[in-house]
Protein backbone atom coordinates (compact mmCIF):
# COMPACT_ATOMS: atom_id res chain seq x y z
CA MET A 1 0.00 0.00 0.00
CA GLU A 2 1.47 3.42 -1.08
CA ILE A 3 0.96 6.48 1.11
CA ASP A 4 1.15 10.02 -0.27
CA ASP A 5 3.07 12.08 2.30
CA SER A 6 1.95 15.30 0.68
CA GLN A 7 -1.57 14.87 1.94
CA GLU A 8 -2.65 15.36 5.48
CA LYS A 9 -3.11 12.04 7.23
CA VAL A 10 -6.09 11.36 9.42
CA PRO A 11 -5.63 8.79 12.18
CA GLY A 12 -7.15 5.51 11.13
CA SER A 13 -7.41 6.49 7.42
CA VAL A 14 -5.82 5.31 4.15
CA ASP A 15 -5.76 6.48 0.58
CA GLU A 16 -8.70 5.42 -1.54
CA LYS A 17 -6.26 3.72 -3.88
CA ALA A 18 -6.15 0.13 -2.68
CA THR A 19 -5.37 -3.14 -4.33
CA GLN A 20 -8.41 -5.44 -4.49
CA LYS A 21 -7.77 -9.10 -4.09
CA ALA A 22 -10.22 -11.61 -5.48
CA LEU A 23 -11.81 -13.76 -2.81
CA PRO A 24 -11.39 -17.51 -3.14
CA ASN A 25 -14.44 -19.34 -4.39
CA VAL A 26 -14.92 -21.27 -1.16
CA THR A 27 -16.83 -20.77 2.07
CA PRO A 28 -14.53 -21.79 4.93
CA ASP A 29 -15.62 -22.01 8.52
CA VAL A 30 -16.29 -18.66 10.17
CA ALA A 31 -13.65 -19.18 12.85
CA ALA A 32 -11.00 -20.09 10.27
CA LEU A 33 -11.90 -17.11 8.12
CA LYS A 34 -11.62 -14.79 11.10
CA GLU A 35 -8.23 -16.19 12.05
CA THR A 36 -6.91 -15.70 8.52
CA THR A 37 -8.29 -12.17 8.41
CA THR A 38 -6.80 -11.34 11.81
CA ASN A 39 -3.29 -12.39 10.73
CA ALA A 40 -3.57 -10.28 7.58
CA ILE A 41 -4.52 -7.01 9.33
CA GLU A 42 -1.87 -4.46 10.11
CA GLU A 43 -2.85 -3.23 13.48
CA ASN A 44 -0.62 -0.11 13.52
CA SER A 45 -2.20 3.25 12.74
CA THR A 46 -0.50 6.55 11.94
CA ILE A 47 -1.00 9.31 14.49
CA ASN A 48 -1.78 12.69 12.90
CA GLU A 49 0.48 15.85 13.11
CA GLY A 50 3.69 14.51 14.61
CA ALA A 51 2.11 12.49 17.34
CA THR A 52 3.98 9.42 18.53
CA ARG A 53 3.23 6.16 16.72
CA ALA A 54 1.23 3.98 19.00
CA GLU A 55 0.89 0.29 18.40
CA THR A 56 -2.61 -0.98 19.03
CA THR A 57 -3.18 -4.69 19.23
CA THR A 58 -6.44 -6.48 19.90
CA PRO A 59 -5.76 -9.93 21.33
CA ALA A 60 -7.28 -12.70 19.25
CA SER A 61 -8.66 -14.27 22.41
CA SER A 62 -10.92 -11.25 22.91
CA LEU A 63 -12.64 -11.73 19.54
CA THR A 64 -15.81 -13.76 19.67
CA THR A 65 -18.41 -14.32 17.04
CA SER A 66 -21.88 -13.06 17.65
CA ARG A 67 -23.19 -16.58 17.08
CA SER A 68 -21.18 -17.95 20.02
CA ALA A 69 -23.08 -15.64 22.32
CA VAL A 70 -26.54 -16.14 20.86
CA PRO A 71 -28.84 -17.26 23.64
CA SER A 72 -31.77 -19.62 23.21
CA THR A 73 -33.85 -16.62 22.10
CA LEU A 74 -32.63 -14.94 18.92
CA SER A 75 -30.77 -11.62 19.11
CA SER A 76 -29.30 -9.25 16.53
CA VAL A 77 -25.93 -9.99 14.91
CA GLY A 78 -23.25 -7.33 14.44
CA PRO A 79 -23.62 -3.55 14.30
CA THR A 80 -26.08 -1.67 12.14
CA THR A 81 -25.51 -1.61 8.41
CA ALA A 82 -24.79 2.12 8.45
CA SER A 83 -22.18 1.66 11.18
CA LEU A 84 -20.52 -1.21 9.34
CA LYS A 85 -20.44 0.74 6.07
CA GLU A 86 -18.80 3.65 7.84
CA LYS A 87 -15.99 1.38 9.12
CA PHE A 88 -15.21 0.31 5.54
CA SER A 89 -15.70 3.72 3.90
CA ALA A 90 -13.03 5.68 2.03
CA GLN A 91 -9.88 6.62 3.95
CA LYS A 92 -10.79 4.35 6.85
CA ILE A 93 -8.74 1.49 8.23
CA PRO A 94 -11.10 -1.26 9.41
CA LEU A 95 -10.00 -2.94 12.59
CA GLN A 96 -9.98 -6.64 13.34
CA THR A 97 -13.34 -6.36 15.12
CA ASP A 98 -14.83 -4.68 12.05
CA PHE A 99 -13.78 -7.59 9.84
CA ALA A 100 -15.18 -10.02 12.44
CA ASN A 101 -18.51 -8.18 12.41
CA LEU A 102 -18.57 -8.19 8.62
CA ILE A 103 -17.95 -11.94 8.53
CA ASP A 104 -20.65 -12.57 11.14
CA VAL A 105 -23.17 -10.59 9.14
CA ALA A 106 -22.24 -12.39 5.92
CA ASP A 107 -22.43 -15.73 7.68
CA CYS A 108 -26.06 -15.05 8.57
CA GLU A 109 -26.95 -15.20 4.88
CA ARG A 110 -25.55 -18.64 4.21
CA LYS A 111 -26.96 -19.96 7.47
CA ALA A 112 -30.39 -18.66 6.47
CA VAL A 113 -30.37 -20.87 3.39
CA GLY A 114 -28.64 -23.84 5.04
CA LEU A 115 -25.24 -23.61 3.31
CA SER A 116 -23.04 -23.34 6.40
CA PRO A 117 -20.58 -26.23 6.95
CA ALA A 118 -22.22 -26.66 10.34
CA GLN A 119 -25.60 -27.32 8.65
CA PRO A 120 -25.38 -30.73 6.95
CA GLY A 121 -29.17 -30.90 6.93
CA GLY A 122 -29.49 -28.02 4.49
CA ALA A 123 -32.42 -25.63 4.50
CA GLY A 124 -34.94 -25.53 7.33
CA ALA A 125 -38.15 -27.55 7.61
CA GLY A 126 -40.49 -26.96 4.68
CA LEU A 127 -37.83 -25.17 2.59
CA LEU A 128 -35.32 -26.10 -0.15
CA LEU A 129 -32.86 -24.52 -2.57
CA ASP A 130 -34.10 -24.73 -6.14
CA ALA A 131 -32.01 -25.31 -9.27
CA GLU A 132 -30.92 -21.66 -9.19
CA GLU A 133 -30.04 -21.91 -5.49
CA ARG A 134 -32.96 -19.74 -4.48
CA LEU A 135 -34.77 -20.45 -1.24
CA ALA A 136 -38.17 -21.97 -2.04
CA VAL A 137 -41.09 -23.71 -0.33
CA LEU A 138 -40.85 -27.49 -0.28
CA PRO A 139 -43.95 -29.00 -1.97
CA GLY A 140 -45.82 -31.98 -0.51
CA ASN A 141 -48.05 -32.81 2.45
CA GLY A 142 -50.84 -30.64 1.10
CA ILE A 143 -48.57 -27.80 -0.13
CA SER A 144 -48.44 -27.11 -3.88
CA VAL A 145 -45.79 -24.93 -5.52
CA GLY A 146 -46.26 -23.53 -9.01
CA ALA A 147 -46.74 -19.98 -10.15
CA SER A 148 -47.61 -19.42 -6.50
CA VAL A 149 -47.70 -21.40 -3.26
CA GLY A 150 -51.04 -22.98 -2.44
CA VAL A 151 -52.79 -25.58 -0.33
CA MET A 152 -54.12 -28.85 -1.74
CA VAL A 153 -57.00 -30.78 -0.17
CA GLU A 154 -58.00 -34.36 -0.79
CA ALA A 155 -61.22 -34.61 -2.73
CA ASN A 156 -64.43 -35.70 -1.00
CA LYS A 157 -63.01 -35.24 2.49
CA GLY A 158 -65.12 -32.24 3.52
CA LEU A 159 -62.70 -29.43 2.62
CA ILE A 160 -62.49 -27.04 -0.32
CA VAL A 161 -59.98 -24.39 -1.41
CA GLY A 162 -61.40 -21.18 -2.84
CA ALA A 163 -60.26 -17.67 -3.58
CA ASN A 164 -60.60 -16.75 0.09
CA GLY A 165 -58.74 -19.79 1.46
CA VAL A 166 -59.51 -23.21 2.90
CA ALA A 167 -63.11 -23.80 3.98
CA VAL A 168 -65.40 -26.57 5.18
CA GLN A 169 -67.62 -27.97 2.43
CA ALA A 170 -71.30 -27.84 3.31
CA GLY A 171 -73.58 -30.81 2.72
CA ASN A 172 -74.22 -34.30 4.06
CA GLY A 173 -75.30 -32.96 7.42
CA ILE A 174 -72.71 -30.16 7.64
CA SER A 175 -73.97 -26.57 7.54
CA VAL A 176 -71.73 -23.54 7.02
CA GLY A 177 -72.87 -20.04 7.94
CA ALA A 178 -71.59 -17.71 10.63
CA SER A 179 -70.08 -20.90 12.03
CA VAL A 180 -69.81 -24.55 11.07
CA GLY A 181 -72.56 -26.77 12.46
CA VAL A 182 -74.25 -30.12 12.12
CA THR A 183 -77.72 -30.45 10.63
CA ALA A 184 -79.70 -33.33 12.08
CA ASN A 185 -82.62 -35.13 10.47
CA ALA A 186 -85.27 -34.86 13.17
CA GLY A 187 -87.14 -37.79 11.65
CA ARG A 188 -84.15 -40.05 12.24
CA ALA A 189 -84.08 -39.61 16.04
CA ILE A 190 -81.00 -37.35 15.96
CA ILE A 191 -80.94 -34.03 17.81
CA VAL A 192 -78.38 -31.20 17.90
CA ASP A 193 -78.27 -28.71 20.76
CA SER A 194 -75.73 -26.67 22.72
CA GLY A 195 -74.35 -29.87 24.20
CA GLY A 196 -73.63 -31.43 20.78
CA VAL A 197 -75.14 -34.24 18.72
CA GLY A 198 -77.32 -36.73 20.53
CA ILE A 199 -80.06 -39.32 20.19
CA ASN A 200 -83.69 -38.39 20.73
CA TYR A 201 -84.98 -41.39 22.67
CA GLY A 202 -88.18 -42.16 24.50
CA SER A 203 -89.10 -43.73 27.80
CA THR A 204 -88.27 -47.24 26.61
CA LEU A 205 -84.57 -46.33 26.28
CA GLN A 206 -82.01 -44.90 28.65
CA VAL A 207 -78.35 -43.86 28.70
CA THR A 208 -76.25 -45.53 31.37
CA ASN A 209 -72.45 -45.25 31.58
CA GLN A 210 -72.46 -43.38 28.25
CA GLN A 211 -74.21 -46.30 26.54
CA LEU A 212 -77.70 -46.40 25.06
CA GLY A 213 -79.79 -49.34 26.20
CA VAL A 214 -83.28 -50.53 27.02
CA SER A 215 -84.81 -48.72 29.96
CA ASP A 216 -84.99 -50.61 33.23
CA ASN A 217 -88.68 -49.73 33.35
CA PHE A 218 -89.47 -50.99 29.87
CA LEU A 219 -90.07 -54.60 30.85
CA GLN A 220 -91.91 -53.73 34.04
CA ARG A 221 -95.63 -54.35 33.93
CA LYS A 222 -97.88 -51.31 33.73
CA THR A 223 -101.45 -50.66 34.86
CA ILE A 224 -104.28 -48.51 33.49
CA SER A 225 -107.12 -47.97 35.96
CA SER A 226 -110.38 -46.08 36.01
CA THR A 227 -113.10 -45.72 38.63
CA ILE A 228 -116.51 -46.27 37.07
CA PRO A 229 -119.32 -44.42 38.93
CA SER A 230 -122.73 -45.91 39.63
CA LEU A 231 -124.34 -46.78 36.30
CA VAL A 232 -128.01 -46.32 35.45
CA SER A 233 -127.66 -49.02 32.81
CA ALA A 234 -124.97 -51.23 31.32
CA THR A 235 -122.33 -49.16 29.50
CA CYS A 236 -119.50 -49.94 27.05
CA PHE A 237 -116.00 -48.52 27.64
CA LYS A 238 -113.29 -48.66 24.96
CA ILE A 239 -110.02 -50.20 26.15
CA MET A 240 -107.93 -50.61 22.96
CA SER A 241 -107.84 -50.10 19.17
CA ILE A 242 -105.70 -50.58 16.04
CA PRO A 243 -105.65 -48.55 12.79
CA SER A 244 -107.40 -49.93 9.73
CA GLY A 245 -104.20 -50.79 7.85
CA MET A 246 -102.56 -52.69 10.68
CA LYS A 247 -101.84 -56.41 10.21
CA ASN A 248 -101.24 -59.09 12.84
CA ALA A 249 -101.78 -56.80 15.83
CA TYR A 250 -101.58 -58.52 19.20
CA ALA A 251 -102.44 -57.67 22.81
CA GLN A 252 -102.75 -59.50 26.10
CA VAL A 253 -104.05 -57.74 29.24
CA TYR A 254 -105.01 -58.83 32.73
CA ILE A 255 -108.38 -57.24 33.63
CA THR A 256 -109.68 -56.93 37.20
CA SER A 257 -112.68 -55.41 38.95
CA SER A 258 -112.32 -54.15 42.51
CA LEU A 259 -116.01 -54.46 43.40
CA THR A 260 -116.48 -58.15 42.86
CA GLY A 261 -112.88 -59.37 42.63
CA GLN A 262 -113.39 -60.51 39.02
CA LYS A 263 -110.16 -61.44 37.21
CA PHE A 264 -109.29 -62.80 33.77
CA VAL A 265 -106.71 -62.59 30.96
CA PHE A 266 -107.93 -61.20 27.64
CA THR A 267 -105.94 -61.99 24.47
CA ILE A 268 -106.63 -60.72 20.95
CA CYS A 269 -105.01 -61.12 17.53
CA CYS A 270 -106.53 -58.90 14.87
CA ASP A 271 -106.11 -57.15 11.53
CA GLY A 272 -107.31 -53.62 10.99
CA GLY A 273 -110.52 -53.14 9.01
CA VAL A 274 -112.01 -56.58 9.71
CA SER A 275 -115.12 -57.29 7.58
CA ALA A 276 -114.51 -54.19 5.47
CA SER A 277 -111.25 -55.58 4.03
CA GLY A 278 -111.51 -59.28 4.80
CA GLY A 279 -109.10 -59.23 7.79
CA THR A 280 -109.12 -61.94 10.45
CA TYR A 281 -109.33 -61.91 14.23
CA SER A 282 -109.37 -64.18 17.28
CA MET A 283 -110.21 -63.39 20.91
CA SER A 284 -109.92 -65.50 24.04
CA ILE A 285 -110.45 -65.31 27.80
CA SER A 286 -108.33 -67.43 30.12
CA ASN A 287 -107.45 -67.70 33.79
CA PHE A 288 -110.99 -66.65 34.51
CA TYR A 289 -112.02 -66.07 38.13
CA ARG A 290 -115.54 -65.02 39.16
CA PRO A 291 -116.58 -64.82 42.80
CA SER A 292 -120.01 -66.07 43.82
CA ALA A 293 -121.12 -62.49 44.33
CA GLY A 294 -121.18 -61.90 40.57
CA TYR A 295 -119.11 -59.92 38.17
CA ALA A 296 -118.92 -56.38 36.77
CA VAL A 297 -117.54 -57.02 33.25
CA THR A 298 -119.98 -59.19 31.34
CA VAL A 299 -118.96 -58.99 27.67
CA LEU A 300 -116.05 -57.79 25.51
CA TYR A 301 -116.95 -56.49 22.02
CA LEU A 302 -114.80 -56.23 18.90
CA TYR A 303 -116.24 -53.52 16.67
CA ARG A 304 -115.32 -51.42 13.65
CA GLU A 305 -115.35 -47.65 13.95
CA SER A 306 -116.41 -45.23 11.22
CA ASN A 307 -112.80 -44.83 10.02
CA ASN A 308 -112.36 -48.65 9.86
CA ASP A 309 -110.18 -48.74 12.96
CA MET A 310 -110.84 -51.90 14.99
CA SER A 311 -111.57 -51.38 18.69
CA VAL A 312 -112.37 -53.44 21.79
CA CYS A 313 -114.72 -52.33 24.55
CA ILE A 314 -115.88 -53.92 27.82
CA PHE A 315 -119.52 -54.01 28.85
CA ILE A 316 -119.94 -53.18 32.53
CA ASN A 317 -123.25 -54.24 34.10
CA ASP A 318 -123.09 -53.03 37.68
CA ALA A 319 -124.98 -50.24 39.41
CA SER A 320 -122.37 -49.78 42.15
CA PRO A 321 -119.10 -47.81 41.64
CA THR A 322 -116.15 -50.04 40.75
CA THR A 323 -112.52 -49.65 39.74
CA VAL A 324 -111.50 -51.63 36.68
CA SER A 325 -107.85 -52.10 35.73
CA MET A 326 -105.73 -53.43 32.87
CA ASN A 327 -102.33 -54.76 33.83
CA TYR A 328 -99.91 -55.56 30.99
CA SER A 329 -96.33 -55.91 29.85
CA PRO A 330 -95.17 -53.58 27.05
CA CYS A 331 -93.83 -56.66 25.27
CA ASP A 332 -97.39 -58.01 25.08
CA ILE A 333 -98.75 -55.02 23.15
CA GLN A 334 -98.00 -55.00 19.43
CA GLY A 335 -99.91 -52.57 17.22
CA PHE A 336 -102.68 -51.82 19.72
CA THR A 337 -103.18 -48.52 21.55
CA LEU A 338 -104.62 -48.86 25.06
CA TYR A 339 -107.16 -46.40 26.50
CA PRO A 340 -108.23 -45.61 30.10
CA PHE A 341 -111.81 -46.94 29.72
CA ILE A 342 -113.49 -44.39 27.45
CA GLN A 343 -117.30 -44.54 27.32
CA VAL A 344 -118.61 -45.32 23.81
CA SER A 345 -122.22 -46.52 24.20
CA VAL A 346 -124.96 -46.99 26.79
CA GLY A 347 -127.51 -49.77 27.07
CA GLY A 348 -126.03 -52.07 24.47
CA PRO A 349 -123.09 -52.87 22.21
CA PRO A 350 -121.56 -50.22 19.94
CA PRO A 351 -122.59 -50.01 16.29
CA GLU A 352 -120.65 -52.12 13.74
CA THR A 353 -119.97 -54.89 16.26
CA VAL A 354 -117.99 -57.70 14.62
CA ASN A 355 -118.11 -60.24 17.45
CA SER A 356 -118.21 -60.56 21.23
CA ILE A 357 -116.91 -62.87 23.93
CA ASN A 358 -118.48 -63.48 27.35
CA SER A 359 -116.30 -62.84 30.37
CA ASN A 360 -117.95 -65.39 32.67
CA SER A 361 -115.80 -68.37 31.63
CA ASN A 362 -112.72 -69.43 29.75
CA ASN A 363 -113.63 -69.35 26.07
CA SER A 364 -112.58 -68.02 22.66
CA VAL A 365 -114.07 -66.76 19.40
CA GLN A 366 -112.64 -66.10 15.95
CA GLY A 367 -113.77 -64.93 12.55
CA ALA A 368 -113.09 -62.79 9.50
């Protein structure tokens, strides 16, 4: 380096004329590069205007890379760009620490793309260097890279990608509005409320230990009772019926009267619309018990109503008040609807009577 003595010298400055040396086309380790640079720096500076020449030396042991002091949380590396440029500006003599800072800053670039010797794994997760050694997004796992980076979704899995981003696809019970929800088909016994999706079940079912099962009360026998007041004359009371289109309906009930202690089992098998549509029926009384004092229920009638529903009524022939009851198991009622002794006629059987069975003995009738 040539120094022009005719010009005034500023401490720490050099002439702008400097020989540029081409850098080798390699990227050595940062520590090795710093050591080489340190040995190549002349650490003496010229003191201006006749001052004594002072020799300034920075021990190599005091130089540390910014990376060596980086804590677990990231911090800045080196001085500001403006400060670093000023150190290497015209008529300045950069010090060893300035070269170290410059190397640290440059090293950040190759570390960012995964080209440091200490990074055998290459670029970070989800990134790669393309054919032109540009940092790019790694395609795959739902990420597509073309003219732009996008998201791919598997078809028919409930997601769609539109101009506004990824969204849930509505349909098949999924509704999308202000929020995503589930649409339940009320006719399929499914309900949706603030607690989530559930099953709409009746009294015959129950949930125990997070499992749906038959209610404990389902198989228990049930009783329908009614107190009949004093009657002026014999009266018919409807106890069960089936719709006209029903086939192979079945019922078995245990009928009792509190006044006389009468007891018997009534069983019926019947089609809806008997006589009008050619259906069949059979009725029977069993386990009959009649005390010597008499009995309240004398006859049971099978009759057709105006809408072709088939119904059964009991004929009570007792002037004193009595409580009549039907005791049954839910498993013994198929197709029939039971009623709490509804009055239908007075003084005789109802119109459109198909057949009757006496309740004073074990017997049966059948017909079509």
